[in-house]
Amino acid sequence: MSKLNFAAFVVVAAISGAASAQSSDPRGACKADYDKFCAGIAPGGGKVIACLDAKRDQLSVSCKTALDGRKKK
């Protein structure tokens, strides 16, 4: 999945509340972290991923794990 698609999905999930924060999928696992740290970031060009990476030390364990798993693909 491209960074743009991931970022767009994160925004949609944040708005709809449909994603579960307990998911191993980054879109669900990082929803609460996105809402807390990156809500003002518009998707596109990897900006959401960059924001989450910049706040990595503050992210939940589930989000860090999901992001790490995404990088291995």
PDB file of N, CA and C in Angstrom:
ATOM      1  N   MET A   1       0.846  -1.167   0.000  1.00  0.00           N
ATOM      2  CA  MET A   1       0.000   0.000   0.000  1.00  0.00           C
ATOM      3  C   MET A   1       0.893   1.231   0.000  1.00  0.00           C
ATOM      4  N   SER A   2       0.602   2.180  -0.833  1.00  0.00           N
ATOM      5  CA  SER A   2       1.419   3.380  -0.893  1.00  0.00           C
ATOM      6  C   SER A   2       1.201   4.247   0.340  1.00  0.00           C
ATOM      7  N   LYS A   3       2.147   5.108   0.616  1.00  0.00           N
ATOM      8  CA  LYS A   3       2.042   6.006   1.766  1.00  0.00           C
ATOM      9  C   LYS A   3       0.830   6.909   1.629  1.00  0.00           C
ATOM     10  N   LEU A   4       0.545   7.347   0.423  1.00  0.00           N
ATOM     11  CA  LEU A   4      -0.611   8.208   0.196  1.00  0.00           C
ATOM     12  C   LEU A   4      -1.900   7.473   0.534  1.00  0.00           C
ATOM     13  N   ASN A   5      -2.021   6.237   0.090  1.00  0.00           N
ATOM     14  CA  ASN A   5      -3.219   5.464   0.403  1.00  0.00           C
ATOM     15  C   ASN A   5      -3.346   5.237   1.897  1.00  0.00           C
ATOM     16  N   PHE A   6      -2.221   4.931   2.551  1.00  0.00           N
ATOM     17  CA  PHE A   6      -2.235   4.722   3.995  1.00  0.00           C
ATOM     18  C   PHE A   6      -2.681   6.003   4.701  1.00  0.00           C
ATOM     19  N   ALA A   7      -2.108   7.126   4.317  1.00  0.00           N
ATOM     20  CA  ALA A   7      -2.445   8.397   4.946  1.00  0.00           C
ATOM     21  C   ALA A   7      -3.923   8.735   4.745  1.00  0.00           C
ATOM     22  N   ALA A   8      -4.417   8.523   3.551  1.00  0.00           N
ATOM     23  CA  ALA A   8      -5.825   8.797   3.276  1.00  0.00           C
ATOM     24  C   ALA A   8      -6.723   7.907   4.124  1.00  0.00           C
ATOM     25  N   PHE A   9      -6.351   6.656   4.269  1.00  0.00           N
ATOM     26  CA  PHE A   9      -7.159   5.756   5.076  1.00  0.00           C
ATOM     27  C   PHE A   9      -7.141   6.164   6.541  1.00  0.00           C
ATOM     28  N   VAL A  10      -5.984   6.591   7.043  1.00  0.00           N
ATOM     29  CA  VAL A  10      -5.885   7.029   8.439  1.00  0.00           C
ATOM     30  C   VAL A  10      -6.851   8.179   8.688  1.00  0.00           C
ATOM     31  N   VAL A  11      -6.899   9.121   7.760  1.00  0.00           N
ATOM     32  CA  VAL A  11      -7.793  10.261   7.920  1.00  0.00           C
ATOM     33  C   VAL A  11      -9.246   9.800   7.897  1.00  0.00           C
ATOM     34  N   VAL A  12      -9.590   8.948   6.965  1.00  0.00           N
ATOM     35  CA  VAL A  12     -10.961   8.450   6.878  1.00  0.00           C
ATOM     36  C   VAL A  12     -11.322   7.675   8.149  1.00  0.00           C
ATOM     37  N   ALA A  13     -10.408   6.846   8.618  1.00  0.00           N
ATOM     38  CA  ALA A  13     -10.664   6.073   9.828  1.00  0.00           C
ATOM     39  C   ALA A  13     -10.823   6.993  11.031  1.00  0.00           C
ATOM     40  N   ALA A  14     -10.033   8.041  11.084  1.00  0.00           N
ATOM     41  CA  ALA A  14     -10.126   8.982  12.196  1.00  0.00           C
ATOM     42  C   ALA A  14     -11.479   9.690  12.194  1.00  0.00           C
ATOM     43  N   ILE A  15     -11.960  10.026  11.025  1.00  0.00           N
ATOM     44  CA  ILE A  15     -13.240  10.719  10.917  1.00  0.00           C
ATOM     45  C   ILE A  15     -14.401   9.774  11.214  1.00  0.00           C
ATOM     46  N   SER A  16     -14.334   8.580  10.697  1.00  0.00           N
ATOM     47  CA  SER A  16     -15.451   7.655  10.842  1.00  0.00           C
ATOM     48  C   SER A  16     -15.435   6.901  12.159  1.00  0.00           C
ATOM     49  N   GLY A  17     -14.251   6.779  12.762  1.00  0.00           N
ATOM     50  CA  GLY A  17     -14.142   6.013  14.001  1.00  0.00           C
ATOM     51  C   GLY A  17     -14.312   4.523  13.782  1.00  0.00           C
ATOM     52  N   ALA A  18     -14.199   4.083  12.543  1.00  0.00           N
ATOM     53  CA  ALA A  18     -14.454   2.683  12.230  1.00  0.00           C
ATOM     54  C   ALA A  18     -13.297   1.762  12.564  1.00  0.00           C
ATOM     55  N   ALA A  19     -12.096   2.286  12.646  1.00  0.00           N
ATOM     56  CA  ALA A  19     -10.929   1.438  12.896  1.00  0.00           C
ATOM     57  C   ALA A  19     -10.767   1.194  14.388  1.00  0.00           C
ATOM     58  N   SER A  20     -10.322   0.033  14.712  1.00  0.00           N
ATOM     59  CA  SER A  20     -10.099  -0.340  16.105  1.00  0.00           C
ATOM     60  C   SER A  20      -8.675  -0.018  16.515  1.00  0.00           C
ATOM     61  N   ALA A  21      -8.501   0.584  17.670  1.00  0.00           N
ATOM     62  CA  ALA A  21      -7.164   0.934  18.150  1.00  0.00           C
ATOM     63  C   ALA A  21      -6.375  -0.305  18.542  1.00  0.00           C
ATOM     64  N   GLN A  22      -7.020  -1.442  18.662  1.00  0.00           N
ATOM     65  CA  GLN A  22      -6.336  -2.657  19.063  1.00  0.00           C
ATOM     66  C   GLN A  22      -5.850  -3.481  17.876  1.00  0.00           C
ATOM     67  N   SER A  23      -6.096  -3.039  16.679  1.00  0.00           N
ATOM     68  CA  SER A  23      -5.729  -3.783  15.476  1.00  0.00           C
ATOM     69  C   SER A  23      -4.223  -3.823  15.275  1.00  0.00           C
ATOM     70  N   SER A  24      -3.721  -4.892  14.642  1.00  0.00           N
ATOM     71  CA  SER A  24      -2.309  -4.954  14.286  1.00  0.00           C
ATOM     72  C   SER A  24      -2.058  -4.237  12.966  1.00  0.00           C
ATOM     73  N   ASP A  25      -3.104  -3.834  12.291  1.00  0.00           N
ATOM     74  CA  ASP A  25      -3.013  -3.058  11.063  1.00  0.00           C
ATOM     75  C   ASP A  25      -2.679  -1.610  11.455  1.00  0.00           C
ATOM     76  N   PRO A  26      -1.680  -0.976  10.830  1.00  0.00           N
ATOM     77  CA  PRO A  26      -1.317   0.382  11.213  1.00  0.00           C
ATOM     78  C   PRO A  26      -2.484   1.361  11.193  1.00  0.00           C
ATOM     79  N   ARG A  27      -3.418   1.167  10.272  1.00  0.00           N
ATOM     80  CA  ARG A  27      -4.539   2.107  10.188  1.00  0.00           C
ATOM     81  C   ARG A  27      -5.391   2.071  11.443  1.00  0.00           C
ATOM     82  N   GLY A  28      -5.543   0.917  12.047  1.00  0.00           N
ATOM     83  CA  GLY A  28      -6.319   0.816  13.280  1.00  0.00           C
ATOM     84  C   GLY A  28      -5.456   1.006  14.512  1.00  0.00           C
ATOM     85  N   ALA A  29      -4.280   0.417  14.496  1.00  0.00           N
ATOM     86  CA  ALA A  29      -3.390   0.473  15.655  1.00  0.00           C
ATOM     87  C   ALA A  29      -2.911   1.888  15.931  1.00  0.00           C
ATOM     88  N   CYS A  30      -2.863   2.728  14.928  1.00  0.00           N
ATOM     89  CA  CYS A  30      -2.335   4.086  15.097  1.00  0.00           C
ATOM     90  C   CYS A  30      -3.423   5.153  15.127  1.00  0.00           C
ATOM     91  N   LYS A  31      -4.679   4.764  15.106  1.00  0.00           N
ATOM     92  CA  LYS A  31      -5.754   5.747  15.059  1.00  0.00           C
ATOM     93  C   LYS A  31      -5.698   6.713  16.225  1.00  0.00           C
ATOM     94  N   ALA A  32      -5.590   6.203  17.444  1.00  0.00           N
ATOM     95  CA  ALA A  32      -5.559   7.076  18.624  1.00  0.00           C
ATOM     96  C   ALA A  32      -4.318   7.974  18.604  1.00  0.00           C
ATOM     97  N   ASP A  33      -3.191   7.418  18.166  1.00  0.00           N
ATOM     98  CA  ASP A  33      -1.961   8.208  18.085  1.00  0.00           C
ATOM     99  C   ASP A  33      -2.092   9.286  17.006  1.00  0.00           C
ATOM    100  N   TYR A  34      -2.689   8.950  15.885  1.00  0.00           N
ATOM    101  CA  TYR A  34      -2.933   9.936  14.832  1.00  0.00           C
ATOM    102  C   TYR A  34      -3.818  11.055  15.379  1.00  0.00           C
ATOM    103  N   ASP A  35      -4.906  10.679  16.048  1.00  0.00           N
ATOM    104  CA  ASP A  35      -5.825  11.677  16.601  1.00  0.00           C
ATOM    105  C   ASP A  35      -5.105  12.597  17.590  1.00  0.00           C
ATOM    106  N   LYS A  36      -4.237  12.037  18.387  1.00  0.00           N
ATOM    107  CA  LYS A  36      -3.552  12.797  19.441  1.00  0.00           C
ATOM    108  C   LYS A  36      -2.413  13.671  18.906  1.00  0.00           C
ATOM    109  N   PHE A  37      -1.605  13.136  17.989  1.00  0.00           N
ATOM    110  CA  PHE A  37      -0.379  13.812  17.585  1.00  0.00           C
ATOM    111  C   PHE A  37      -0.395  14.410  16.179  1.00  0.00           C
ATOM    112  N   CYS A  38      -1.223  13.887  15.291  1.00  0.00           N
ATOM    113  CA  CYS A  38      -1.104  14.259  13.876  1.00  0.00           C
ATOM    114  C   CYS A  38      -2.431  14.656  13.231  1.00  0.00           C
ATOM    115  N   ALA A  39      -3.442  14.958  14.017  1.00  0.00           N
ATOM    116  CA  ALA A  39      -4.773  15.221  13.465  1.00  0.00           C
ATOM    117  C   ALA A  39      -4.795  16.380  12.463  1.00  0.00           C
ATOM    118  N   GLY A  40      -3.927  17.351  12.614  1.00  0.00           N
ATOM    119  CA  GLY A  40      -3.914  18.497  11.707  1.00  0.00           C
ATOM    120  C   GLY A  40      -3.121  18.264  10.439  1.00  0.00           C
ATOM    121  N   ILE A  41      -2.560  17.079  10.277  1.00  0.00           N
ATOM    122  CA  ILE A  41      -1.730  16.771   9.118  1.00  0.00           C
ATOM    123  C   ILE A  41      -2.604  16.254   7.983  1.00  0.00           C
ATOM    124  N   ALA A  42      -2.545  16.935   6.850  1.00  0.00           N
ATOM    125  CA  ALA A  42      -3.298  16.493   5.676  1.00  0.00           C
ATOM    126  C   ALA A  42      -2.556  15.330   5.025  1.00  0.00           C
ATOM    127  N   PRO A  43      -3.287  14.339   4.544  1.00  0.00           N
ATOM    128  CA  PRO A  43      -2.632  13.195   3.901  1.00  0.00           C
ATOM    129  C   PRO A  43      -1.985  13.584   2.580  1.00  0.00           C
ATOM    130  N   GLY A  44      -1.014  12.792   2.218  1.00  0.00           N
ATOM    131  CA  GLY A  44      -0.344  13.000   0.939  1.00  0.00           C
ATOM    132  C   GLY A  44       1.150  13.157   1.129  1.00  0.00           C
ATOM    133  N   GLY A  45       1.877  12.518   0.263  1.00  0.00           N
ATOM    134  CA  GLY A  45       3.325  12.650   0.280  1.00  0.00           C
ATOM    135  C   GLY A  45       4.001  12.057   1.500  1.00  0.00           C
ATOM    136  N   GLY A  46       3.326  11.158   2.196  1.00  0.00           N
ATOM    137  CA  GLY A  46       3.917  10.510   3.361  1.00  0.00           C
ATOM    138  C   GLY A  46       3.930  11.377   4.605  1.00  0.00           C
ATOM    139  N   LYS A  47       3.146  12.452   4.623  1.00  0.00           N
ATOM    140  CA  LYS A  47       3.162  13.380   5.753  1.00  0.00           C
ATOM    141  C   LYS A  47       2.647  12.763   7.051  1.00  0.00           C
ATOM    142  N   VAL A  48       1.639  11.923   6.968  1.00  0.00           N
ATOM    143  CA  VAL A  48       1.106  11.294   8.179  1.00  0.00           C
ATOM    144  C   VAL A  48       2.140  10.323   8.754  1.00  0.00           C
ATOM    145  N   ILE A  49       2.751   9.526   7.898  1.00  0.00           N
ATOM    146  CA  ILE A  49       3.789   8.591   8.348  1.00  0.00           C
ATOM    147  C   ILE A  49       4.945   9.370   8.961  1.00  0.00           C
ATOM    148  N   ALA A  50       5.351  10.454   8.325  1.00  0.00           N
ATOM    149  CA  ALA A  50       6.451  11.273   8.841  1.00  0.00           C
ATOM    150  C   ALA A  50       6.092  11.848  10.207  1.00  0.00           C
ATOM    151  N   CYS A  51       4.864  12.285  10.368  1.00  0.00           N
ATOM    152  CA  CYS A  51       4.412  12.816  11.654  1.00  0.00           C
ATOM    153  C   CYS A  51       4.476  11.739  12.726  1.00  0.00           C
ATOM    154  N   LEU A  52       3.932  10.567  12.415  1.00  0.00           N
ATOM    155  CA  LEU A  52       3.961   9.475  13.392  1.00  0.00           C
ATOM    156  C   LEU A  52       5.396   9.075  13.724  1.00  0.00           C
ATOM    157  N   ASP A  53       6.253   9.019  12.726  1.00  0.00           N
ATOM    158  CA  ASP A  53       7.661   8.678  12.960  1.00  0.00           C
ATOM    159  C   ASP A  53       8.333   9.727  13.843  1.00  0.00           C
ATOM    160  N   ALA A  54       7.994  10.995  13.655  1.00  0.00           N
ATOM    161  CA  ALA A  54       8.583  12.071  14.459  1.00  0.00           C
ATOM    162  C   ALA A  54       8.150  11.981  15.926  1.00  0.00           C
ATOM    163  N   LYS A  55       6.998  11.408  16.166  1.00  0.00           N
ATOM    164  CA  LYS A  55       6.462  11.266  17.528  1.00  0.00           C
ATOM    165  C   LYS A  55       6.661   9.851  18.058  1.00  0.00           C
ATOM    166  N   ARG A  56       7.505   9.085  17.413  1.00  0.00           N
ATOM    167  CA  ARG A  56       7.660   7.654  17.704  1.00  0.00           C
ATOM    168  C   ARG A  56       7.828   7.347  19.192  1.00  0.00           C
ATOM    169  N   ASP A  57       8.591   8.145  19.904  1.00  0.00           N
ATOM    170  CA  ASP A  57       8.825   7.881  21.323  1.00  0.00           C
ATOM    171  C   ASP A  57       7.565   8.055  22.163  1.00  0.00           C
ATOM    172  N   GLN A  58       6.547   8.692  21.616  1.00  0.00           N
ATOM    173  CA  GLN A  58       5.296   8.914  22.331  1.00  0.00           C
ATOM    174  C   GLN A  58       4.163   7.992  21.867  1.00  0.00           C
ATOM    175  N   LEU A  59       4.399   7.210  20.824  1.00  0.00           N
ATOM    176  CA  LEU A  59       3.358   6.356  20.260  1.00  0.00           C
ATOM    177  C   LEU A  59       3.078   5.148  21.145  1.00  0.00           C
ATOM    178  N   SER A  60       1.887   4.613  20.987  1.00  0.00           N
ATOM    179  CA  SER A  60       1.530   3.388  21.695  1.00  0.00           C
ATOM    180  C   SER A  60       2.358   2.227  21.163  1.00  0.00           C
ATOM    181  N   VAL A  61       2.489   1.215  21.979  1.00  0.00           N
ATOM    182  CA  VAL A  61       3.244   0.023  21.586  1.00  0.00           C
ATOM    183  C   VAL A  61       2.607  -0.613  20.348  1.00  0.00           C
ATOM    184  N   SER A  62       1.271  -0.668  20.322  1.00  0.00           N
ATOM    185  CA  SER A  62       0.600  -1.305  19.180  1.00  0.00           C
ATOM    186  C   SER A  62       0.857  -0.538  17.883  1.00  0.00           C
ATOM    187  N   CYS A  63       0.925   0.777  17.955  1.00  0.00           N
ATOM    188  CA  CYS A  63       1.199   1.574  16.755  1.00  0.00           C
ATOM    189  C   CYS A  63       2.644   1.366  16.308  1.00  0.00           C
ATOM    190  N   LYS A  64       3.586   1.396  17.244  1.00  0.00           N
ATOM    191  CA  LYS A  64       4.989   1.167  16.892  1.00  0.00           C
ATOM    192  C   LYS A  64       5.166  -0.202  16.229  1.00  0.00           C
ATOM    193  N   THR A  65       4.518  -1.207  16.809  1.00  0.00           N
ATOM    194  CA  THR A  65       4.612  -2.557  16.266  1.00  0.00           C
ATOM    195  C   THR A  65       4.031  -2.628  14.860  1.00  0.00           C
ATOM    196  N   ALA A  66       2.878  -1.991  14.670  1.00  0.00           N
ATOM    197  CA  ALA A  66       2.235  -2.008  13.357  1.00  0.00           C
ATOM    198  C   ALA A  66       3.079  -1.259  12.328  1.00  0.00           C
ATOM    199  N   LEU A  67       3.658  -0.127  12.706  1.00  0.00           N
ATOM    200  CA  LEU A  67       4.507   0.614  11.783  1.00  0.00           C
ATOM    201  C   LEU A  67       5.760  -0.176  11.439  1.00  0.00           C
ATOM    202  N   ASP A  68       6.341  -0.840  12.428  1.00  0.00           N
ATOM    203  CA  ASP A  68       7.510  -1.673  12.172  1.00  0.00           C
ATOM    204  C   ASP A  68       7.174  -2.812  11.212  1.00  0.00           C
ATOM    205  N   GLY A  69       6.018  -3.438  11.406  1.00  0.00           N
ATOM    206  CA  GLY A  69       5.582  -4.518  10.527  1.00  0.00           C
ATOM    207  C   GLY A  69       5.351  -4.030   9.108  1.00  0.00           C
ATOM    208  N   ARG A  70       4.871  -2.820   8.960  1.00  0.00           N
ATOM    209  CA  ARG A  70       4.624  -2.238   7.651  1.00  0.00           C
ATOM    210  C   ARG A  70       5.930  -2.000   6.908  1.00  0.00           C
ATOM    211  N   LYS A  71       6.962  -1.581   7.623  1.00  0.00           N
ATOM    212  CA  LYS A  71       8.260  -1.300   7.001  1.00  0.00           C
ATOM    213  C   LYS A  71       8.934  -2.571   6.488  1.00  0.00           C
ATOM    214  N   LYS A  72       8.624  -3.713   7.081  1.00  0.00           N
ATOM    215  CA  LYS A  72       9.246  -4.979   6.692  1.00  0.00           C
ATOM    216  C   LYS A  72       8.667  -5.546   5.415  1.00  0.00           C
ATOM    217  N   LYS A  73       7.518  -5.054   4.975  1.00  0.00           N
ATOM    218  CA  LYS A  73       6.854  -5.599   3.780  1.00  0.00           C
ATOM    219  C   LYS A  73       7.512  -5.144   2.517  1.00  0.00           C
TER     220      LYS A  73
END
